[in-house]
Amino acid sequence: MLYNVVDIQNILPHRYPFLLVDRITELTPGEYIEGLKNISISEPVFQGHFPGHPIYPGVMIIEGMAQAGGVLAFKSMDLASQEEIENKVVYFMSIDNAKFRSPVTPGDQLVYKINVIKNKGAVWQLDAKAYVDDKVVAQAELKAMIVDK
C-alpha cells in the first residue's frame, strides 16, 4: 500500500460520501496508478439504486477512476508543499468512450487502473479501467485539468 484513505484525503478535496478511492496500491508518477474501492451494502447510493437489487452506479465507477487519476496527476506534478496541493483542484473536462461491461454489487472490490495517454501542462488525458476479480467492469478515456481553487 502506498496511500491509505487518510493520505488520499491529504491529496484530494473529496470527503464522505463522495470520496470513492479507499487505497492507492501502485503509482508511477507521470505514467500509471492503481487504486481500490471496496463496495459495501452500507454505501448511501444503495438506498435508491436499486432497493432489493443493489447495483453500484456506473457514474460512481467513472468518478472513482477520475479521483484515482487526480491522485496520479497531483503526485506527478512538482508541488512542494501540502499548502500548494490544498490550493489546487482537479476538474473533469471530458469523458469519452465510456463502457460498462458488468454490474458491480456489494462485496465487490473495484480495482482502478489508470494509464496516462498524454499530459500537457495542467491537462491530463487518461485511459481508465475498473476491474472486479481481474475482469474489466468499466472503462473510459478521461480528460482533466488541475487548476487553482
N, C-alpha and C. Protein backbone atom coordinates (compact mmCIF):
# COMPACT_ATOMS: atom_id res chain seq x y z
N MET A 1 0.85 -1.19 0.00
CA MET A 1 0.00 0.00 0.00
C MET A 1 0.88 1.24 0.00
N LEU A 2 0.56 2.15 -0.91
CA LEU A 2 1.29 3.42 -0.95
C LEU A 2 0.58 4.50 -0.14
N TYR A 3 -0.75 4.61 -0.36
CA TYR A 3 -1.53 5.64 0.33
C TYR A 3 -2.82 5.04 0.87
N ASN A 4 -3.09 5.28 2.14
CA ASN A 4 -4.38 4.87 2.71
C ASN A 4 -5.37 6.03 2.54
N VAL A 5 -6.57 5.84 3.04
CA VAL A 5 -7.63 6.82 2.81
C VAL A 5 -7.29 8.18 3.44
N VAL A 6 -6.58 8.19 4.55
CA VAL A 6 -6.20 9.47 5.18
C VAL A 6 -5.19 10.19 4.29
N ASP A 7 -4.24 9.45 3.74
CA ASP A 7 -3.28 10.05 2.81
C ASP A 7 -3.98 10.62 1.59
N ILE A 8 -4.97 9.87 1.07
CA ILE A 8 -5.72 10.31 -0.10
C ILE A 8 -6.47 11.61 0.20
N GLN A 9 -7.01 11.72 1.42
CA GLN A 9 -7.72 12.94 1.81
C GLN A 9 -6.77 14.14 1.90
N ASN A 10 -5.49 13.89 2.07
CA ASN A 10 -4.50 14.98 2.06
C ASN A 10 -4.17 15.43 0.64
N ILE A 11 -4.61 14.64 -0.36
CA ILE A 11 -4.34 14.97 -1.76
C ILE A 11 -5.60 15.50 -2.44
N LEU A 12 -6.74 14.81 -2.24
CA LEU A 12 -8.00 15.18 -2.88
C LEU A 12 -8.91 15.93 -1.92
N PRO A 13 -9.75 16.82 -2.42
CA PRO A 13 -10.69 17.54 -1.55
C PRO A 13 -11.93 16.72 -1.21
N HIS A 14 -12.17 15.61 -1.88
CA HIS A 14 -13.39 14.81 -1.70
C HIS A 14 -13.47 14.21 -0.29
N ARG A 15 -14.69 14.12 0.20
CA ARG A 15 -14.96 13.53 1.52
C ARG A 15 -16.19 12.66 1.43
N TYR A 16 -16.45 11.89 2.51
CA TYR A 16 -17.63 11.05 2.58
C TYR A 16 -18.87 11.91 2.32
N PRO A 17 -19.80 11.47 1.53
CA PRO A 17 -19.91 10.15 0.90
C PRO A 17 -19.37 10.12 -0.53
N PHE A 18 -18.53 11.09 -0.90
CA PHE A 18 -18.12 11.17 -2.29
C PHE A 18 -16.63 10.92 -2.51
N LEU A 19 -15.91 10.48 -1.49
CA LEU A 19 -14.54 10.02 -1.70
C LEU A 19 -14.64 8.56 -2.12
N LEU A 20 -14.25 8.25 -3.34
CA LEU A 20 -14.52 6.93 -3.93
C LEU A 20 -13.25 6.13 -4.20
N VAL A 21 -12.18 6.45 -3.49
CA VAL A 21 -10.94 5.68 -3.54
C VAL A 21 -10.53 5.40 -2.10
N ASP A 22 -10.37 4.11 -1.78
CA ASP A 22 -10.01 3.72 -0.41
C ASP A 22 -8.51 3.59 -0.20
N ARG A 23 -7.79 3.26 -1.28
CA ARG A 23 -6.36 2.96 -1.14
C ARG A 23 -5.68 3.08 -2.50
N ILE A 24 -4.43 3.52 -2.48
CA ILE A 24 -3.58 3.51 -3.67
C ILE A 24 -2.53 2.45 -3.43
N THR A 25 -2.43 1.50 -4.38
CA THR A 25 -1.51 0.38 -4.20
C THR A 25 -0.28 0.46 -5.10
N GLU A 26 -0.37 1.24 -6.16
CA GLU A 26 0.76 1.36 -7.08
C GLU A 26 0.72 2.75 -7.72
N LEU A 27 1.89 3.34 -7.92
CA LEU A 27 1.96 4.67 -8.54
C LEU A 27 3.32 4.85 -9.21
N THR A 28 3.28 5.17 -10.48
CA THR A 28 4.47 5.59 -11.22
C THR A 28 4.16 6.99 -11.73
N PRO A 29 4.74 8.03 -11.10
CA PRO A 29 4.41 9.40 -11.47
C PRO A 29 4.53 9.63 -12.98
N GLY A 30 3.52 10.31 -13.52
CA GLY A 30 3.50 10.63 -14.93
C GLY A 30 3.09 9.49 -15.84
N GLU A 31 2.82 8.31 -15.26
CA GLU A 31 2.54 7.14 -16.09
C GLU A 31 1.31 6.32 -15.67
N TYR A 32 1.25 5.92 -14.39
CA TYR A 32 0.29 4.88 -14.00
C TYR A 32 -0.07 4.97 -12.52
N ILE A 33 -1.34 4.60 -12.23
CA ILE A 33 -1.76 4.46 -10.84
C ILE A 33 -2.75 3.31 -10.74
N GLU A 34 -2.72 2.66 -9.60
CA GLU A 34 -3.69 1.61 -9.30
C GLU A 34 -4.27 1.90 -7.91
N GLY A 35 -5.59 1.88 -7.83
CA GLY A 35 -6.27 2.15 -6.56
C GLY A 35 -7.43 1.20 -6.35
N LEU A 36 -7.94 1.19 -5.12
CA LEU A 36 -9.01 0.28 -4.73
C LEU A 36 -10.21 1.02 -4.17
N LYS A 37 -11.37 0.46 -4.39
CA LYS A 37 -12.61 0.91 -3.76
C LYS A 37 -13.38 -0.33 -3.35
N ASN A 38 -13.61 -0.50 -2.07
CA ASN A 38 -14.41 -1.61 -1.56
C ASN A 38 -15.87 -1.21 -1.59
N ILE A 39 -16.68 -2.04 -2.22
CA ILE A 39 -18.10 -1.74 -2.36
C ILE A 39 -18.86 -2.47 -1.25
N SER A 40 -19.53 -1.70 -0.40
CA SER A 40 -20.26 -2.24 0.74
C SER A 40 -21.74 -1.91 0.61
N ILE A 41 -22.57 -2.77 1.15
CA ILE A 41 -24.02 -2.52 1.13
C ILE A 41 -24.35 -1.25 1.92
N SER A 42 -23.43 -0.80 2.77
CA SER A 42 -23.70 0.42 3.55
C SER A 42 -23.46 1.71 2.75
N GLU A 43 -23.06 1.60 1.48
CA GLU A 43 -22.91 2.79 0.63
C GLU A 43 -24.28 3.49 0.54
N PRO A 44 -24.33 4.80 0.75
CA PRO A 44 -25.61 5.53 0.70
C PRO A 44 -26.36 5.37 -0.62
N VAL A 45 -25.64 5.19 -1.72
CA VAL A 45 -26.27 5.11 -3.05
C VAL A 45 -27.20 3.90 -3.17
N PHE A 46 -26.97 2.86 -2.36
CA PHE A 46 -27.79 1.65 -2.46
C PHE A 46 -29.20 1.83 -1.88
N GLN A 47 -29.44 2.93 -1.18
CA GLN A 47 -30.80 3.20 -0.71
C GLN A 47 -31.76 3.38 -1.88
N GLY A 48 -31.23 3.86 -3.00
CA GLY A 48 -32.12 4.12 -4.14
C GLY A 48 -31.69 3.46 -5.43
N HIS A 49 -30.59 2.72 -5.42
CA HIS A 49 -30.07 2.14 -6.68
C HIS A 49 -29.65 0.69 -6.48
N PHE A 50 -30.39 -0.21 -6.46
CA PHE A 50 -31.86 -0.25 -6.53
C PHE A 50 -32.32 -1.05 -5.32
N PRO A 51 -33.34 -0.62 -4.60
CA PRO A 51 -33.81 -1.37 -3.43
C PRO A 51 -34.15 -2.82 -3.81
N GLY A 52 -33.58 -3.75 -3.08
CA GLY A 52 -33.82 -5.17 -3.34
C GLY A 52 -32.94 -5.75 -4.43
N HIS A 53 -32.24 -4.90 -5.18
CA HIS A 53 -31.35 -5.35 -6.26
C HIS A 53 -30.20 -4.33 -6.39
N PRO A 54 -29.29 -4.30 -5.38
CA PRO A 54 -28.27 -3.24 -5.34
C PRO A 54 -27.23 -3.37 -6.45
N ILE A 55 -27.12 -2.32 -7.26
CA ILE A 55 -26.13 -2.21 -8.32
C ILE A 55 -25.39 -0.89 -8.11
N TYR A 56 -24.06 -0.96 -8.06
CA TYR A 56 -23.26 0.26 -7.91
C TYR A 56 -23.31 1.03 -9.23
N PRO A 57 -23.71 2.30 -9.20
CA PRO A 57 -23.90 3.06 -10.45
C PRO A 57 -22.61 3.26 -11.25
N GLY A 58 -22.74 3.12 -12.55
CA GLY A 58 -21.61 3.32 -13.44
C GLY A 58 -20.99 4.70 -13.30
N VAL A 59 -21.80 5.71 -13.08
CA VAL A 59 -21.29 7.06 -12.93
C VAL A 59 -20.38 7.17 -11.71
N MET A 60 -20.64 6.38 -10.67
CA MET A 60 -19.79 6.38 -9.49
C MET A 60 -18.45 5.68 -9.80
N ILE A 61 -18.49 4.66 -10.63
CA ILE A 61 -17.25 4.00 -11.05
C ILE A 61 -16.38 4.97 -11.84
N ILE A 62 -17.01 5.69 -12.77
CA ILE A 62 -16.27 6.69 -13.55
C ILE A 62 -15.66 7.74 -12.62
N GLU A 63 -16.43 8.23 -11.66
CA GLU A 63 -15.93 9.23 -10.72
C GLU A 63 -14.77 8.66 -9.91
N GLY A 64 -14.87 7.41 -9.47
CA GLY A 64 -13.77 6.79 -8.72
C GLY A 64 -12.51 6.70 -9.56
N MET A 65 -12.65 6.34 -10.83
CA MET A 65 -11.49 6.29 -11.72
C MET A 65 -10.89 7.69 -11.87
N ALA A 66 -11.75 8.69 -11.99
CA ALA A 66 -11.29 10.07 -12.13
C ALA A 66 -10.55 10.53 -10.86
N GLN A 67 -11.06 10.14 -9.70
CA GLN A 67 -10.38 10.51 -8.46
C GLN A 67 -9.01 9.86 -8.37
N ALA A 68 -8.90 8.59 -8.75
CA ALA A 68 -7.59 7.93 -8.79
C ALA A 68 -6.68 8.67 -9.77
N GLY A 69 -7.22 9.06 -10.91
CA GLY A 69 -6.45 9.84 -11.88
C GLY A 69 -6.01 11.18 -11.31
N GLY A 70 -6.85 11.78 -10.47
CA GLY A 70 -6.49 13.03 -9.80
C GLY A 70 -5.30 12.85 -8.88
N VAL A 71 -5.29 11.74 -8.14
CA VAL A 71 -4.13 11.45 -7.28
C VAL A 71 -2.88 11.32 -8.14
N LEU A 72 -3.00 10.59 -9.26
CA LEU A 72 -1.86 10.44 -10.17
C LEU A 72 -1.36 11.80 -10.66
N ALA A 73 -2.28 12.65 -11.09
CA ALA A 73 -1.89 13.97 -11.59
C ALA A 73 -1.20 14.79 -10.50
N PHE A 74 -1.79 14.83 -9.31
CA PHE A 74 -1.18 15.60 -8.21
C PHE A 74 0.20 15.08 -7.87
N LYS A 75 0.34 13.76 -7.80
CA LYS A 75 1.62 13.17 -7.42
C LYS A 75 2.65 13.22 -8.55
N SER A 76 2.21 13.57 -9.74
CA SER A 76 3.13 13.70 -10.88
C SER A 76 3.61 15.13 -11.06
N MET A 77 2.92 16.07 -10.44
CA MET A 77 3.30 17.48 -10.56
C MET A 77 4.34 17.84 -9.51
N ASP A 78 5.04 18.93 -9.75
CA ASP A 78 6.07 19.38 -8.82
C ASP A 78 5.44 20.33 -7.80
N LEU A 79 4.64 19.75 -6.90
CA LEU A 79 4.01 20.54 -5.84
C LEU A 79 4.79 20.27 -4.55
N ALA A 80 5.47 21.28 -4.07
CA ALA A 80 6.42 21.08 -2.98
C ALA A 80 5.78 20.93 -1.61
N SER A 81 4.63 21.57 -1.40
CA SER A 81 4.08 21.58 -0.04
C SER A 81 2.61 21.17 -0.04
N GLN A 82 2.15 20.82 1.16
CA GLN A 82 0.74 20.49 1.35
C GLN A 82 -0.12 21.71 1.04
N GLU A 83 0.38 22.90 1.34
CA GLU A 83 -0.36 24.13 1.06
C GLU A 83 -0.59 24.30 -0.45
N GLU A 84 0.42 23.98 -1.26
CA GLU A 84 0.26 24.07 -2.72
C GLU A 84 -0.82 23.09 -3.20
N ILE A 85 -0.81 21.89 -2.65
CA ILE A 85 -1.83 20.88 -3.01
C ILE A 85 -3.22 21.38 -2.62
N GLU A 86 -3.34 21.94 -1.43
CA GLU A 86 -4.65 22.40 -0.94
C GLU A 86 -5.21 23.56 -1.76
N ASN A 87 -4.36 24.28 -2.49
CA ASN A 87 -4.82 25.40 -3.30
C ASN A 87 -5.14 25.00 -4.74
N LYS A 88 -5.10 23.70 -5.03
CA LYS A 88 -5.40 23.20 -6.37
C LYS A 88 -6.61 22.26 -6.32
N VAL A 89 -7.25 22.09 -7.48
CA VAL A 89 -8.37 21.16 -7.59
C VAL A 89 -8.35 20.59 -9.01
N VAL A 90 -8.84 19.36 -9.15
CA VAL A 90 -8.91 18.71 -10.46
C VAL A 90 -10.32 18.87 -11.01
N TYR A 91 -10.44 19.37 -12.22
CA TYR A 91 -11.73 19.48 -12.90
C TYR A 91 -11.78 18.51 -14.06
N PHE A 92 -12.92 17.81 -14.17
CA PHE A 92 -13.20 16.98 -15.33
C PHE A 92 -13.36 17.87 -16.56
N MET A 93 -12.79 17.45 -17.67
CA MET A 93 -13.00 18.17 -18.93
C MET A 93 -13.85 17.34 -19.88
N SER A 94 -13.60 16.02 -19.90
CA SER A 94 -14.40 15.17 -20.78
C SER A 94 -14.32 13.71 -20.34
N ILE A 95 -15.33 12.97 -20.74
CA ILE A 95 -15.40 11.52 -20.58
C ILE A 95 -15.76 10.98 -21.95
N ASP A 96 -14.90 10.17 -22.53
CA ASP A 96 -15.14 9.62 -23.86
C ASP A 96 -15.10 8.10 -23.83
N ASN A 97 -15.84 7.50 -24.74
CA ASN A 97 -15.83 6.06 -24.95
C ASN A 97 -16.08 5.25 -23.67
N ALA A 98 -16.97 5.75 -22.82
CA ALA A 98 -17.30 5.02 -21.60
C ALA A 98 -18.09 3.76 -21.93
N LYS A 99 -17.70 2.68 -21.29
CA LYS A 99 -18.39 1.40 -21.47
C LYS A 99 -18.52 0.72 -20.12
N PHE A 100 -19.67 0.13 -19.90
CA PHE A 100 -19.93 -0.62 -18.68
C PHE A 100 -20.14 -2.07 -19.07
N ARG A 101 -19.26 -2.92 -18.60
CA ARG A 101 -19.20 -4.30 -19.07
C ARG A 101 -19.92 -5.30 -18.18
N SER A 102 -20.03 -4.99 -16.89
CA SER A 102 -20.61 -5.95 -15.96
C SER A 102 -21.07 -5.21 -14.70
N PRO A 103 -22.16 -5.64 -14.08
CA PRO A 103 -22.64 -4.96 -12.87
C PRO A 103 -21.66 -5.13 -11.70
N VAL A 104 -21.61 -4.12 -10.86
CA VAL A 104 -20.81 -4.14 -9.63
C VAL A 104 -21.79 -4.15 -8.47
N THR A 105 -21.59 -5.07 -7.53
CA THR A 105 -22.54 -5.26 -6.44
C THR A 105 -21.82 -5.26 -5.09
N PRO A 106 -22.57 -5.11 -4.01
CA PRO A 106 -21.96 -5.12 -2.68
C PRO A 106 -21.11 -6.37 -2.47
N GLY A 107 -19.94 -6.16 -1.87
CA GLY A 107 -18.98 -7.24 -1.66
C GLY A 107 -17.87 -7.24 -2.69
N ASP A 108 -18.07 -6.53 -3.79
CA ASP A 108 -17.02 -6.45 -4.82
C ASP A 108 -15.94 -5.46 -4.39
N GLN A 109 -14.74 -5.68 -4.91
CA GLN A 109 -13.67 -4.71 -4.75
C GLN A 109 -13.31 -4.22 -6.14
N LEU A 110 -13.51 -2.93 -6.36
CA LEU A 110 -13.11 -2.31 -7.62
C LEU A 110 -11.61 -2.03 -7.58
N VAL A 111 -10.93 -2.37 -8.66
CA VAL A 111 -9.52 -2.02 -8.82
C VAL A 111 -9.45 -1.07 -10.01
N TYR A 112 -9.04 0.16 -9.72
CA TYR A 112 -8.90 1.17 -10.76
C TYR A 112 -7.48 1.11 -11.31
N LYS A 113 -7.34 1.01 -12.63
CA LYS A 113 -6.03 1.02 -13.28
C LYS A 113 -6.04 2.14 -14.31
N ILE A 114 -5.22 3.15 -14.07
CA ILE A 114 -5.24 4.36 -14.87
C ILE A 114 -3.86 4.56 -15.50
N ASN A 115 -3.84 4.70 -16.83
CA ASN A 115 -2.61 4.98 -17.56
C ASN A 115 -2.70 6.37 -18.19
N VAL A 116 -1.59 7.09 -18.16
CA VAL A 116 -1.54 8.40 -18.82
C VAL A 116 -1.41 8.18 -20.33
N ILE A 117 -2.32 8.77 -21.07
CA ILE A 117 -2.22 8.79 -22.53
C ILE A 117 -1.36 9.97 -22.94
N LYS A 118 -1.67 11.12 -22.31
CA LYS A 118 -0.97 12.35 -22.67
C LYS A 118 -1.07 13.33 -21.51
N ASN A 119 -0.01 14.09 -21.30
CA ASN A 119 -0.01 15.18 -20.32
C ASN A 119 0.64 16.39 -20.96
N LYS A 120 -0.11 17.48 -20.94
CA LYS A 120 0.44 18.74 -21.45
C LYS A 120 0.12 19.82 -20.42
N GLY A 121 1.13 20.21 -19.67
CA GLY A 121 0.92 21.20 -18.62
C GLY A 121 -0.01 20.67 -17.55
N ALA A 122 -1.09 21.39 -17.32
CA ALA A 122 -2.05 21.01 -16.28
C ALA A 122 -3.13 20.06 -16.80
N VAL A 123 -3.10 19.72 -18.10
CA VAL A 123 -4.13 18.87 -18.69
C VAL A 123 -3.64 17.43 -18.79
N TRP A 124 -4.49 16.52 -18.32
CA TRP A 124 -4.17 15.10 -18.29
C TRP A 124 -5.22 14.32 -19.08
N GLN A 125 -4.76 13.48 -20.00
CA GLN A 125 -5.64 12.58 -20.74
C GLN A 125 -5.30 11.16 -20.26
N LEU A 126 -6.32 10.43 -19.80
CA LEU A 126 -6.11 9.16 -19.11
C LEU A 126 -6.92 8.03 -19.72
N ASP A 127 -6.33 6.87 -19.77
CA ASP A 127 -7.02 5.64 -20.12
C ASP A 127 -7.36 4.96 -18.79
N ALA A 128 -8.64 4.84 -18.49
CA ALA A 128 -9.09 4.34 -17.19
C ALA A 128 -9.88 3.05 -17.34
N LYS A 129 -9.54 2.09 -16.49
CA LYS A 129 -10.29 0.83 -16.46
C LYS A 129 -10.55 0.47 -15.01
N ALA A 130 -11.72 -0.14 -14.78
CA ALA A 130 -12.07 -0.64 -13.46
C ALA A 130 -12.29 -2.14 -13.57
N TYR A 131 -11.74 -2.87 -12.62
CA TYR A 131 -11.80 -4.33 -12.62
C TYR A 131 -12.44 -4.85 -11.34
N VAL A 132 -13.11 -5.98 -11.44
CA VAL A 132 -13.52 -6.78 -10.29
C VAL A 132 -13.05 -8.19 -10.60
N ASP A 133 -12.25 -8.75 -9.70
CA ASP A 133 -11.71 -10.10 -9.90
C ASP A 133 -11.03 -10.25 -11.26
N ASP A 134 -10.19 -9.29 -11.61
CA ASP A 134 -9.41 -9.30 -12.87
C ASP A 134 -10.27 -9.23 -14.14
N LYS A 135 -11.53 -8.86 -14.00
CA LYS A 135 -12.42 -8.72 -15.15
C LYS A 135 -12.77 -7.24 -15.30
N VAL A 136 -12.62 -6.69 -16.51
CA VAL A 136 -12.96 -5.29 -16.75
C VAL A 136 -14.47 -5.11 -16.58
N VAL A 137 -14.87 -4.20 -15.68
CA VAL A 137 -16.29 -3.91 -15.49
C VAL A 137 -16.68 -2.56 -16.06
N ALA A 138 -15.68 -1.67 -16.23
CA ALA A 138 -15.95 -0.35 -16.82
C ALA A 138 -14.64 0.21 -17.37
N GLN A 139 -14.80 1.08 -18.39
CA GLN A 139 -13.62 1.73 -18.96
C GLN A 139 -14.05 3.05 -19.59
N ALA A 140 -13.09 3.96 -19.67
CA ALA A 140 -13.36 5.26 -20.29
C ALA A 140 -12.05 5.98 -20.53
N GLU A 141 -12.10 6.95 -21.42
CA GLU A 141 -10.99 7.87 -21.61
C GLU A 141 -11.39 9.17 -20.93
N LEU A 142 -10.57 9.61 -19.99
CA LEU A 142 -10.90 10.78 -19.18
C LEU A 142 -9.91 11.90 -19.48
N LYS A 143 -10.41 13.12 -19.43
CA LYS A 143 -9.53 14.28 -19.55
C LYS A 143 -9.85 15.20 -18.38
N ALA A 144 -8.79 15.68 -17.73
CA ALA A 144 -8.96 16.54 -16.56
C ALA A 144 -7.87 17.60 -16.55
N MET A 145 -8.12 18.63 -15.75
CA MET A 145 -7.18 19.73 -15.63
C MET A 145 -7.03 20.10 -14.16
N ILE A 146 -5.80 20.33 -13.75
CA ILE A 146 -5.54 20.81 -12.38
C ILE A 146 -5.48 22.33 -12.45
N VAL A 147 -6.31 22.96 -11.62
CA VAL A 147 -6.39 24.43 -11.63
C VAL A 147 -6.31 24.96 -10.20
N ASP A 148 -6.07 26.25 -10.08
CA ASP A 148 -6.11 26.90 -8.77
C ASP A 148 -7.56 26.97 -8.31
N LYS A 149 -7.76 26.85 -7.01
CA LYS A 149 -9.12 26.94 -6.45
C LYS A 149 -9.66 28.34 -6.62
